[in-house]
């Protein structure tokens, strides 16, 4: 057998041992058809895999004795990659956008930020709204809560509260999510 074939056959990927990399004395063998052969010595299992021109793969290393299956390992890896790619396609990526205010923000500035927040929410992004307090402003957190409540009134047609306002260090933070996501679920 050429050296490169032996190297390829000893390859271990994702904790699965194949062919000569399996060091157990006896294994429970399952054929390519799914038929259970029973407990056989590793040499016999390897011979059966070679006769079928397939790989011997340890699928359940924690079992006593370990379970090995005769299969086409290359095709198995290909199918796994294909399934993984399909599952990634179906995932929805949710971005979190952040808007920051000070507790003494003017009405027009708040409306401008609200318009920006509406555009984020309509695009399907979550929104983190924070009011940052500096110095003596920390003694007036009620002003920050009023700003967040007013902001919520302005964007209420596009989004709704995910997490209510709460203090995190020197900031009061609130999370909003798009309304359409909640209605679809």
N, C-alpha and C. Protein backbone atom coordinates (compact mmCIF):
# COMPACT_ATOMS: atom_id res chain seq x y z
N UNK A 1 0.86 -1.18 0.00
CA UNK A 1 0.00 0.00 0.00
C UNK A 1 0.90 1.24 0.00
N UNK A 2 0.66 2.23 -0.89
CA UNK A 2 1.49 3.43 -0.93
C UNK A 2 1.42 4.21 0.38
N UNK A 3 2.48 4.97 0.67
CA UNK A 3 2.57 5.71 1.94
C UNK A 3 1.49 6.77 2.07
N UNK A 4 1.14 7.45 0.97
CA UNK A 4 0.14 8.52 1.07
C UNK A 4 -1.24 7.95 1.40
N UNK A 5 -1.52 6.73 0.97
CA UNK A 5 -2.81 6.10 1.29
C UNK A 5 -2.89 5.80 2.77
N UNK A 6 -1.81 5.32 3.36
CA UNK A 6 -1.80 5.02 4.78
C UNK A 6 -2.01 6.31 5.58
N UNK A 7 -1.33 7.38 5.17
CA UNK A 7 -1.52 8.66 5.86
C UNK A 7 -2.97 9.11 5.78
N UNK A 8 -3.58 9.03 4.62
CA UNK A 8 -4.96 9.46 4.45
C UNK A 8 -5.89 8.61 5.29
N UNK A 9 -5.61 7.33 5.35
CA UNK A 9 -6.50 6.42 6.05
C UNK A 9 -6.40 6.57 7.56
N UNK A 10 -5.32 7.16 8.07
CA UNK A 10 -5.16 7.36 9.51
C UNK A 10 -5.70 8.72 9.95
N UNK A 11 -6.26 9.45 9.04
CA UNK A 11 -6.75 10.79 9.31
C UNK A 11 -7.86 10.79 10.36
N UNK A 12 -7.78 11.72 11.30
CA UNK A 12 -8.81 11.87 12.32
C UNK A 12 -9.39 13.27 12.22
N UNK A 13 -10.69 13.36 12.07
CA UNK A 13 -11.35 14.65 11.97
C UNK A 13 -12.56 14.64 12.89
N UNK A 14 -12.74 15.73 13.63
CA UNK A 14 -13.89 15.89 14.53
C UNK A 14 -14.06 14.72 15.48
N UNK A 15 -12.99 14.30 16.10
CA UNK A 15 -13.00 13.24 17.10
C UNK A 15 -13.42 11.88 16.57
N UNK A 16 -13.55 11.73 15.26
CA UNK A 16 -13.89 10.42 14.70
C UNK A 16 -12.59 9.75 14.25
N UNK A 17 -12.38 8.53 14.76
CA UNK A 17 -11.20 7.79 14.34
C UNK A 17 -11.61 6.88 13.19
N UNK A 18 -10.73 6.78 12.21
CA UNK A 18 -11.05 5.91 11.08
C UNK A 18 -9.89 4.96 10.81
N UNK A 19 -10.24 3.81 10.29
CA UNK A 19 -9.31 2.77 9.86
C UNK A 19 -8.23 2.44 10.88
N UNK A 20 -6.95 2.57 10.51
CA UNK A 20 -5.86 2.14 11.37
C UNK A 20 -5.70 2.98 12.63
N UNK A 21 -6.35 4.11 12.73
CA UNK A 21 -6.27 4.96 13.92
C UNK A 21 -7.05 4.37 15.09
N UNK A 22 -7.92 3.42 14.82
CA UNK A 22 -8.71 2.78 15.87
C UNK A 22 -7.82 1.76 16.57
N UNK A 23 -7.63 1.91 17.89
CA UNK A 23 -6.68 1.09 18.64
C UNK A 23 -7.35 0.07 19.57
N UNK A 24 -8.66 -0.05 19.54
CA UNK A 24 -9.35 -0.99 20.42
C UNK A 24 -9.16 -2.43 19.93
N UNK A 25 -9.23 -3.39 20.87
CA UNK A 25 -9.06 -4.80 20.50
C UNK A 25 -10.31 -5.37 19.84
N UNK A 26 -11.47 -5.02 20.41
CA UNK A 26 -12.75 -5.50 19.87
C UNK A 26 -13.70 -4.33 19.70
N UNK A 27 -14.55 -4.44 18.69
CA UNK A 27 -15.54 -3.39 18.44
C UNK A 27 -16.88 -4.03 18.08
N UNK A 28 -17.94 -3.28 18.32
CA UNK A 28 -19.27 -3.70 17.86
C UNK A 28 -19.40 -3.15 16.44
N UNK A 29 -19.64 -4.00 15.48
CA UNK A 29 -19.57 -3.62 14.07
C UNK A 29 -20.96 -3.49 13.45
N UNK A 30 -21.12 -2.42 12.68
CA UNK A 30 -22.34 -2.20 11.90
C UNK A 30 -21.90 -2.05 10.45
N UNK A 31 -22.53 -2.78 9.55
CA UNK A 31 -22.15 -2.72 8.15
C UNK A 31 -22.70 -1.47 7.48
N UNK A 32 -22.34 -1.28 6.22
CA UNK A 32 -22.80 -0.11 5.46
C UNK A 32 -24.31 -0.13 5.27
N UNK A 33 -24.89 -1.33 5.28
CA UNK A 33 -26.35 -1.45 5.10
C UNK A 33 -27.11 -1.20 6.40
N UNK A 34 -26.40 -1.09 7.51
CA UNK A 34 -27.05 -0.89 8.80
C UNK A 34 -27.25 -2.19 9.56
N UNK A 35 -26.76 -3.29 9.02
CA UNK A 35 -26.90 -4.60 9.66
C UNK A 35 -25.87 -4.73 10.78
N UNK A 36 -26.31 -5.20 11.94
CA UNK A 36 -25.41 -5.37 13.08
C UNK A 36 -24.72 -6.73 12.99
N UNK A 37 -23.39 -6.70 12.92
CA UNK A 37 -22.61 -7.93 12.83
C UNK A 37 -22.38 -8.50 14.22
N UNK A 38 -22.17 -7.61 15.19
CA UNK A 38 -21.89 -8.04 16.56
C UNK A 38 -20.50 -7.60 16.97
N UNK A 39 -19.99 -8.21 18.03
CA UNK A 39 -18.67 -7.86 18.54
C UNK A 39 -17.63 -8.70 17.80
N UNK A 40 -16.69 -8.00 17.15
CA UNK A 40 -15.66 -8.68 16.37
C UNK A 40 -14.30 -8.06 16.69
N UNK A 41 -13.19 -8.82 16.49
CA UNK A 41 -11.86 -8.24 16.67
C UNK A 41 -11.62 -7.12 15.65
N UNK A 42 -10.80 -6.16 16.00
CA UNK A 42 -10.57 -5.00 15.13
C UNK A 42 -9.99 -5.40 13.78
N UNK A 43 -9.14 -6.43 13.77
CA UNK A 43 -8.55 -6.88 12.49
C UNK A 43 -9.62 -7.40 11.54
N UNK A 44 -10.56 -8.17 12.08
CA UNK A 44 -11.65 -8.71 11.25
C UNK A 44 -12.53 -7.56 10.72
N UNK A 45 -12.79 -6.59 11.58
CA UNK A 45 -13.61 -5.44 11.16
C UNK A 45 -12.90 -4.66 10.06
N UNK A 46 -11.58 -4.48 10.19
CA UNK A 46 -10.83 -3.76 9.18
C UNK A 46 -10.80 -4.53 7.86
N UNK A 47 -10.68 -5.86 7.95
CA UNK A 47 -10.70 -6.69 6.74
C UNK A 47 -12.04 -6.56 6.02
N UNK A 48 -13.13 -6.59 6.79
CA UNK A 48 -14.46 -6.46 6.18
C UNK A 48 -14.62 -5.10 5.49
N UNK A 49 -14.06 -4.05 6.10
CA UNK A 49 -14.13 -2.71 5.49
C UNK A 49 -13.31 -2.67 4.21
N UNK A 50 -12.12 -3.31 4.23
CA UNK A 50 -11.27 -3.34 3.04
C UNK A 50 -11.93 -4.12 1.91
N UNK A 51 -12.58 -5.24 2.25
CA UNK A 51 -13.28 -6.04 1.24
C UNK A 51 -14.39 -5.21 0.57
N UNK A 52 -15.07 -4.40 1.35
CA UNK A 52 -16.15 -3.58 0.82
C UNK A 52 -15.62 -2.29 0.17
N UNK A 53 -14.28 -2.09 0.25
CA UNK A 53 -13.62 -0.88 -0.27
C UNK A 53 -14.22 0.39 0.35
N UNK A 54 -14.46 0.31 1.67
CA UNK A 54 -14.99 1.44 2.43
C UNK A 54 -14.12 1.66 3.67
N UNK A 55 -14.46 2.63 4.48
CA UNK A 55 -13.70 2.96 5.68
C UNK A 55 -14.38 2.40 6.91
N UNK A 56 -13.56 2.10 7.92
CA UNK A 56 -14.07 1.69 9.23
C UNK A 56 -14.02 2.93 10.11
N UNK A 57 -15.18 3.39 10.61
CA UNK A 57 -15.26 4.64 11.36
C UNK A 57 -15.81 4.35 12.75
N UNK A 58 -15.10 4.84 13.77
CA UNK A 58 -15.57 4.68 15.16
C UNK A 58 -16.61 5.76 15.41
N UNK A 59 -17.90 5.38 15.48
CA UNK A 59 -18.98 6.35 15.62
C UNK A 59 -19.40 6.58 17.07
N UNK A 60 -19.18 5.60 17.94
CA UNK A 60 -19.53 5.76 19.36
C UNK A 60 -18.36 5.28 20.22
N UNK A 61 -17.36 6.16 20.43
CA UNK A 61 -16.18 5.74 21.18
C UNK A 61 -16.44 5.50 22.66
N UNK A 62 -17.51 6.06 23.22
CA UNK A 62 -17.78 5.92 24.65
C UNK A 62 -18.46 4.61 25.01
N UNK A 63 -18.97 3.88 24.04
CA UNK A 63 -19.68 2.63 24.32
C UNK A 63 -18.70 1.53 24.70
N UNK A 64 -19.20 0.51 25.37
CA UNK A 64 -18.39 -0.66 25.75
C UNK A 64 -18.94 -1.88 25.05
N UNK A 65 -18.31 -2.48 24.12
CA UNK A 65 -17.15 -2.02 23.36
C UNK A 65 -17.56 -0.90 22.39
N UNK A 66 -16.58 -0.13 21.87
CA UNK A 66 -16.89 0.98 20.96
C UNK A 66 -17.61 0.49 19.71
N UNK A 67 -18.47 1.33 19.17
CA UNK A 67 -19.24 0.98 17.97
C UNK A 67 -18.52 1.54 16.75
N UNK A 68 -18.29 0.69 15.76
CA UNK A 68 -17.67 1.10 14.51
C UNK A 68 -18.63 0.79 13.37
N UNK A 69 -18.55 1.61 12.34
CA UNK A 69 -19.45 1.43 11.20
C UNK A 69 -18.60 1.42 9.94
N UNK A 70 -18.99 0.59 9.01
CA UNK A 70 -18.34 0.56 7.71
C UNK A 70 -19.10 1.54 6.82
N UNK A 71 -18.39 2.57 6.34
CA UNK A 71 -19.05 3.58 5.51
C UNK A 71 -18.02 4.28 4.62
N UNK A 72 -18.52 5.03 3.66
CA UNK A 72 -17.67 5.87 2.81
C UNK A 72 -17.46 7.17 3.57
N UNK A 73 -16.29 7.33 4.18
CA UNK A 73 -16.03 8.47 5.06
C UNK A 73 -16.02 9.80 4.30
N UNK A 74 -15.51 9.79 3.09
CA UNK A 74 -15.49 11.02 2.28
C UNK A 74 -16.91 11.51 2.00
N UNK A 75 -17.79 10.60 1.66
CA UNK A 75 -19.19 10.97 1.39
C UNK A 75 -19.86 11.46 2.68
N UNK A 76 -19.53 10.81 3.80
CA UNK A 76 -20.09 11.19 5.10
C UNK A 76 -19.69 12.62 5.45
N UNK A 77 -18.39 12.95 5.27
CA UNK A 77 -17.91 14.31 5.54
C UNK A 77 -18.60 15.32 4.62
N UNK A 78 -18.75 14.95 3.35
CA UNK A 78 -19.39 15.84 2.38
C UNK A 78 -20.84 16.13 2.79
N UNK A 79 -21.57 15.09 3.20
CA UNK A 79 -22.96 15.27 3.63
C UNK A 79 -23.04 16.15 4.87
N UNK A 80 -22.10 15.98 5.83
CA UNK A 80 -22.08 16.82 7.02
C UNK A 80 -21.86 18.29 6.66
N UNK A 81 -20.91 18.54 5.76
CA UNK A 81 -20.64 19.91 5.34
C UNK A 81 -21.85 20.51 4.65
N UNK A 82 -22.54 19.71 3.84
CA UNK A 82 -23.72 20.19 3.13
C UNK A 82 -24.84 20.57 4.11
N UNK A 83 -25.06 19.72 5.15
CA UNK A 83 -26.08 20.01 6.15
C UNK A 83 -25.74 21.27 6.93
N UNK A 84 -24.45 21.43 7.27
CA UNK A 84 -24.01 22.60 8.02
C UNK A 84 -24.23 23.87 7.20
N UNK A 85 -23.95 23.80 5.91
CA UNK A 85 -24.14 24.95 5.03
C UNK A 85 -25.61 25.31 4.94
N UNK A 86 -26.48 24.31 4.82
CA UNK A 86 -27.93 24.54 4.77
C UNK A 86 -28.43 25.20 6.04
N UNK A 87 -27.94 24.73 7.20
CA UNK A 87 -28.40 25.32 8.47
C UNK A 87 -27.93 26.76 8.59
N UNK A 88 -26.74 27.09 8.06
CA UNK A 88 -26.27 28.47 8.10
C UNK A 88 -27.12 29.37 7.22
N UNK A 89 -27.63 28.85 6.10
CA UNK A 89 -28.48 29.63 5.21
C UNK A 89 -29.77 30.03 5.91
N UNK A 90 -30.30 29.14 6.75
CA UNK A 90 -31.58 29.38 7.40
C UNK A 90 -31.48 30.29 8.62
N UNK A 91 -30.25 30.55 9.09
CA UNK A 91 -30.09 31.41 10.26
C UNK A 91 -30.37 32.86 9.90
N UNK A 92 -30.96 33.57 10.85
CA UNK A 92 -31.20 34.99 10.65
C UNK A 92 -30.25 35.76 11.55
N UNK A 93 -29.50 36.66 10.96
CA UNK A 93 -28.54 37.45 11.72
C UNK A 93 -29.26 38.69 12.24
N UNK A 94 -29.21 38.90 13.55
CA UNK A 94 -29.85 40.05 14.17
C UNK A 94 -28.76 40.99 14.66
N UNK A 95 -28.78 42.20 14.15
CA UNK A 95 -27.81 43.21 14.58
C UNK A 95 -28.41 44.03 15.71
N UNK A 96 -27.56 44.49 16.60
CA UNK A 96 -27.99 45.38 17.68
C UNK A 96 -27.36 46.74 17.42
N UNK A 97 -28.20 47.71 17.18
CA UNK A 97 -27.75 49.09 16.97
C UNK A 97 -27.91 49.84 18.29
N UNK A 98 -27.07 50.86 18.52
CA UNK A 98 -27.13 51.58 19.78
C UNK A 98 -27.30 53.07 19.55
N UNK A 99 -28.17 53.67 20.34
CA UNK A 99 -28.34 55.12 20.36
C UNK A 99 -28.06 55.61 21.78
N UNK A 100 -27.30 56.71 21.92
CA UNK A 100 -26.99 57.26 23.24
C UNK A 100 -27.54 58.67 23.36
N UNK A 101 -28.04 58.96 24.53
CA UNK A 101 -28.53 60.30 24.83
C UNK A 101 -27.88 60.79 26.11
N UNK A 102 -28.07 62.10 26.37
CA UNK A 102 -27.78 62.63 27.70
C UNK A 102 -29.13 62.94 28.33
N UNK A 103 -29.22 63.03 29.64
CA UNK A 103 -30.54 63.25 30.27
C UNK A 103 -31.16 64.59 29.93
N UNK A 104 -30.36 65.57 29.47
CA UNK A 104 -30.92 66.88 29.15
C UNK A 104 -30.96 67.12 27.64
N UNK A 105 -31.36 66.13 26.86
CA UNK A 105 -31.45 66.24 25.41
C UNK A 105 -32.67 67.09 25.05
N UNK A 106 -32.53 67.90 24.01
CA UNK A 106 -33.64 68.74 23.56
C UNK A 106 -34.63 67.93 22.74
N UNK A 107 -35.85 68.41 22.63
CA UNK A 107 -36.94 67.69 21.97
C UNK A 107 -36.61 67.39 20.50
N UNK A 108 -36.11 68.39 19.77
CA UNK A 108 -35.82 68.17 18.35
C UNK A 108 -34.73 67.11 18.17
N UNK A 109 -33.69 67.16 19.02
CA UNK A 109 -32.62 66.16 18.94
C UNK A 109 -33.18 64.76 19.23
N UNK A 110 -34.09 64.69 20.18
CA UNK A 110 -34.71 63.40 20.52
C UNK A 110 -35.53 62.87 19.35
N UNK A 111 -36.24 63.77 18.66
CA UNK A 111 -37.03 63.35 17.49
C UNK A 111 -36.12 62.86 16.37
N UNK A 112 -34.98 63.52 16.19
CA UNK A 112 -34.02 63.09 15.17
C UNK A 112 -33.49 61.69 15.49
N UNK A 113 -33.15 61.47 16.76
CA UNK A 113 -32.68 60.14 17.19
C UNK A 113 -33.80 59.11 17.04
N UNK A 114 -35.04 59.50 17.32
CA UNK A 114 -36.17 58.59 17.18
C UNK A 114 -36.36 58.18 15.73
N UNK A 115 -36.19 59.13 14.79
CA UNK A 115 -36.29 58.78 13.37
C UNK A 115 -35.20 57.78 12.98
N UNK A 116 -34.00 57.99 13.51
CA UNK A 116 -32.91 57.04 13.25
C UNK A 116 -33.24 55.67 13.84
N UNK A 117 -33.78 55.67 15.07
CA UNK A 117 -34.18 54.42 15.72
C UNK A 117 -35.27 53.70 14.94
N UNK A 118 -36.23 54.44 14.39
CA UNK A 118 -37.30 53.84 13.58
C UNK A 118 -36.73 53.15 12.36
N UNK A 119 -35.73 53.81 11.73
CA UNK A 119 -35.14 53.19 10.53
C UNK A 119 -34.41 51.89 10.90
N UNK A 120 -33.74 51.87 12.06
CA UNK A 120 -33.07 50.64 12.50
C UNK A 120 -34.10 49.54 12.75
N UNK A 121 -35.17 49.89 13.44
CA UNK A 121 -36.20 48.90 13.79
C UNK A 121 -36.91 48.39 12.54
N UNK A 122 -37.18 49.27 11.58
CA UNK A 122 -37.87 48.83 10.37
C UNK A 122 -36.97 47.93 9.51
N UNK A 123 -35.64 48.07 9.68
CA UNK A 123 -34.70 47.20 8.97
C UNK A 123 -34.58 45.84 9.64
N UNK A 124 -35.23 45.66 10.81
CA UNK A 124 -35.21 44.38 11.49
C UNK A 124 -34.14 44.26 12.57
N UNK A 125 -33.46 45.35 12.87
CA UNK A 125 -32.40 45.32 13.89
C UNK A 125 -32.99 45.57 15.28
N UNK A 126 -32.34 45.01 16.30
CA UNK A 126 -32.70 45.36 17.68
C UNK A 126 -32.03 46.68 18.00
N UNK A 127 -32.55 47.36 19.00
CA UNK A 127 -32.05 48.69 19.32
C UNK A 127 -31.73 48.77 20.80
N UNK A 128 -30.52 49.24 21.11
CA UNK A 128 -30.11 49.47 22.49
C UNK A 128 -30.08 50.99 22.68
N UNK A 129 -30.92 51.47 23.57
CA UNK A 129 -31.02 52.90 23.82
C UNK A 129 -30.46 53.15 25.21
N UNK A 130 -29.49 54.07 25.30
CA UNK A 130 -28.89 54.33 26.61
C UNK A 130 -28.81 55.83 26.88
N UNK A 131 -29.03 56.17 28.13
CA UNK A 131 -28.87 57.54 28.60
C UNK A 131 -27.65 57.53 29.51
N UNK A 132 -26.64 58.32 29.14
CA UNK A 132 -25.39 58.34 29.91
C UNK A 132 -25.41 59.52 30.88
N UNK A 133 -25.14 59.21 32.13
CA UNK A 133 -25.11 60.23 33.18
C UNK A 133 -23.67 60.58 33.51
N UNK A 134 -23.40 61.91 33.67
CA UNK A 134 -22.05 62.35 34.03
C UNK A 134 -22.14 63.23 35.28
N UNK A 135 -21.23 63.00 36.18
CA UNK A 135 -21.12 63.85 37.37
C UNK A 135 -22.38 63.88 38.20
N UNK A 136 -22.90 65.09 38.43
CA UNK A 136 -24.06 65.27 39.29
C UNK A 136 -25.35 64.79 38.66
N UNK A 137 -25.32 64.50 37.36
CA UNK A 137 -26.52 63.99 36.67
C UNK A 137 -26.95 62.65 37.27
N UNK A 138 -26.02 61.92 37.88
CA UNK A 138 -26.35 60.61 38.47
C UNK A 138 -27.40 60.74 39.57
N UNK A 139 -27.51 61.91 40.17
CA UNK A 139 -28.51 62.12 41.21
C UNK A 139 -29.91 62.32 40.65
N UNK A 140 -30.02 62.44 39.32
CA UNK A 140 -31.32 62.71 38.68
C UNK A 140 -31.62 61.65 37.62
N UNK A 141 -31.60 60.41 38.03
CA UNK A 141 -31.88 59.33 37.08
C UNK A 141 -33.32 59.35 36.60
N UNK A 142 -34.21 60.02 37.35
CA UNK A 142 -35.61 60.12 36.92
C UNK A 142 -35.73 60.90 35.62
N UNK A 143 -34.83 61.86 35.37
CA UNK A 143 -34.83 62.59 34.10
C UNK A 143 -34.49 61.66 32.94
N UNK A 144 -33.53 60.76 33.18
CA UNK A 144 -33.16 59.78 32.15
C UNK A 144 -34.30 58.84 31.82
N UNK A 145 -35.06 58.44 32.85
CA UNK A 145 -36.20 57.56 32.63
C UNK A 145 -37.27 58.28 31.80
N UNK A 146 -37.47 59.58 32.06
CA UNK A 146 -38.44 60.37 31.28
C UNK A 146 -38.02 60.44 29.82
N UNK A 147 -36.70 60.61 29.58
CA UNK A 147 -36.20 60.68 28.21
C UNK A 147 -36.46 59.36 27.50
N UNK A 148 -36.20 58.24 28.18
CA UNK A 148 -36.43 56.93 27.56
C UNK A 148 -37.91 56.70 27.31
N UNK A 149 -38.78 57.12 28.23
CA UNK A 149 -40.22 56.97 28.03
C UNK A 149 -40.69 57.80 26.84
N UNK A 150 -40.17 59.01 26.71
CA UNK A 150 -40.54 59.88 25.57
C UNK A 150 -40.05 59.26 24.27
N UNK A 151 -38.84 58.72 24.29
CA UNK A 151 -38.30 58.06 23.09
C UNK A 151 -39.18 56.87 22.70
N UNK A 152 -39.62 56.12 23.69
CA UNK A 152 -40.48 54.96 23.43
C UNK A 152 -41.79 55.39 22.79
N UNK A 153 -42.35 56.52 23.23
CA UNK A 153 -43.58 57.03 22.62
C UNK A 153 -43.36 57.32 21.14
N UNK A 154 -42.19 57.91 20.82
CA UNK A 154 -41.90 58.31 19.45
C UNK A 154 -41.70 57.11 18.51
N UNK A 155 -41.17 56.00 19.03
CA UNK A 155 -40.88 54.85 18.16
C UNK A 155 -41.86 53.70 18.38
N UNK A 156 -42.92 53.91 19.14
CA UNK A 156 -43.81 52.81 19.51
C UNK A 156 -44.50 52.15 18.31
N UNK A 157 -44.64 52.88 17.19
CA UNK A 157 -45.28 52.27 16.02
C UNK A 157 -44.35 51.28 15.32
N UNK A 158 -43.03 51.40 15.49
CA UNK A 158 -42.07 50.49 14.85
C UNK A 158 -41.55 49.40 15.78
N UNK A 159 -41.44 49.71 17.08
CA UNK A 159 -40.83 48.74 17.98
C UNK A 159 -41.50 48.69 19.34
N UNK A 160 -41.09 47.70 20.12
CA UNK A 160 -41.62 47.54 21.47
C UNK A 160 -40.49 47.16 22.41
N UNK A 161 -40.73 47.35 23.70
CA UNK A 161 -39.70 47.13 24.71
C UNK A 161 -39.38 45.65 24.83
N UNK A 162 -38.11 45.34 24.73
CA UNK A 162 -37.61 43.99 24.92
C UNK A 162 -37.15 43.83 26.37
N UNK A 163 -36.37 44.80 26.84
CA UNK A 163 -35.93 44.85 28.23
C UNK A 163 -36.19 46.25 28.75
N UNK A 164 -36.85 46.33 29.87
CA UNK A 164 -37.22 47.63 30.43
C UNK A 164 -35.97 48.40 30.87
N UNK A 165 -36.09 49.74 31.01
CA UNK A 165 -34.93 50.55 31.41
C UNK A 165 -34.36 50.12 32.76
N UNK A 166 -33.05 50.03 32.80
CA UNK A 166 -32.38 49.65 34.04
C UNK A 166 -30.99 50.26 34.06
N UNK A 167 -30.52 50.57 35.25
CA UNK A 167 -29.21 51.20 35.40
C UNK A 167 -28.10 50.14 35.22
N UNK A 168 -27.12 50.50 34.41
CA UNK A 168 -25.92 49.68 34.23
C UNK A 168 -24.73 50.62 34.35
N UNK A 169 -24.18 50.70 35.54
CA UNK A 169 -23.07 51.62 35.78
C UNK A 169 -23.55 53.05 35.75
N UNK A 170 -22.99 53.87 34.86
CA UNK A 170 -23.38 55.27 34.75
C UNK A 170 -24.42 55.49 33.66
N UNK A 171 -24.98 54.42 33.11
CA UNK A 171 -25.96 54.54 32.03
C UNK A 171 -27.26 53.83 32.40
N UNK A 172 -28.36 54.35 31.87
CA UNK A 172 -29.64 53.68 31.98
C UNK A 172 -29.92 53.10 30.59
N UNK A 173 -30.15 51.79 30.52
CA UNK A 173 -30.22 51.10 29.24
C UNK A 173 -31.58 50.46 29.06
N UNK A 174 -32.08 50.51 27.80
CA UNK A 174 -33.35 49.87 27.43
C UNK A 174 -33.14 49.22 26.06
N UNK A 175 -33.72 48.04 25.87
CA UNK A 175 -33.62 47.35 24.58
C UNK A 175 -34.99 47.33 23.91
N UNK A 176 -35.00 47.59 22.60
CA UNK A 176 -36.23 47.56 21.81
C UNK A 176 -36.05 46.55 20.69
N UNK A 177 -37.14 45.92 20.29
CA UNK A 177 -37.09 45.01 19.16
C UNK A 177 -38.21 45.37 18.19
N UNK A 178 -38.06 45.02 16.92
CA UNK A 178 -39.08 45.35 15.92
C UNK A 178 -40.41 44.66 16.23
N UNK A 179 -41.51 45.32 15.97
CA UNK A 179 -42.83 44.76 16.24
C UNK A 179 -43.14 43.59 15.32
N UNK A 180 -42.73 43.67 14.08
CA UNK A 180 -43.09 42.63 13.11
C UNK A 180 -42.56 41.27 13.51
N UNK A 181 -41.36 41.20 14.15
CA UNK A 181 -40.81 39.92 14.59
C UNK A 181 -41.71 39.27 15.63
N UNK A 182 -42.22 40.05 16.56
CA UNK A 182 -43.07 39.51 17.65
C UNK A 182 -44.39 38.98 17.09
N UNK A 183 -44.95 39.69 16.07
CA UNK A 183 -46.24 39.29 15.53
C UNK A 183 -46.14 38.00 14.72
N UNK A 184 -44.98 37.77 14.05
CA UNK A 184 -44.82 36.58 13.24
C UNK A 184 -44.68 35.32 14.07
N UNK A 185 -44.16 35.43 15.28
CA UNK A 185 -43.92 34.25 16.12
C UNK A 185 -45.12 33.84 16.80
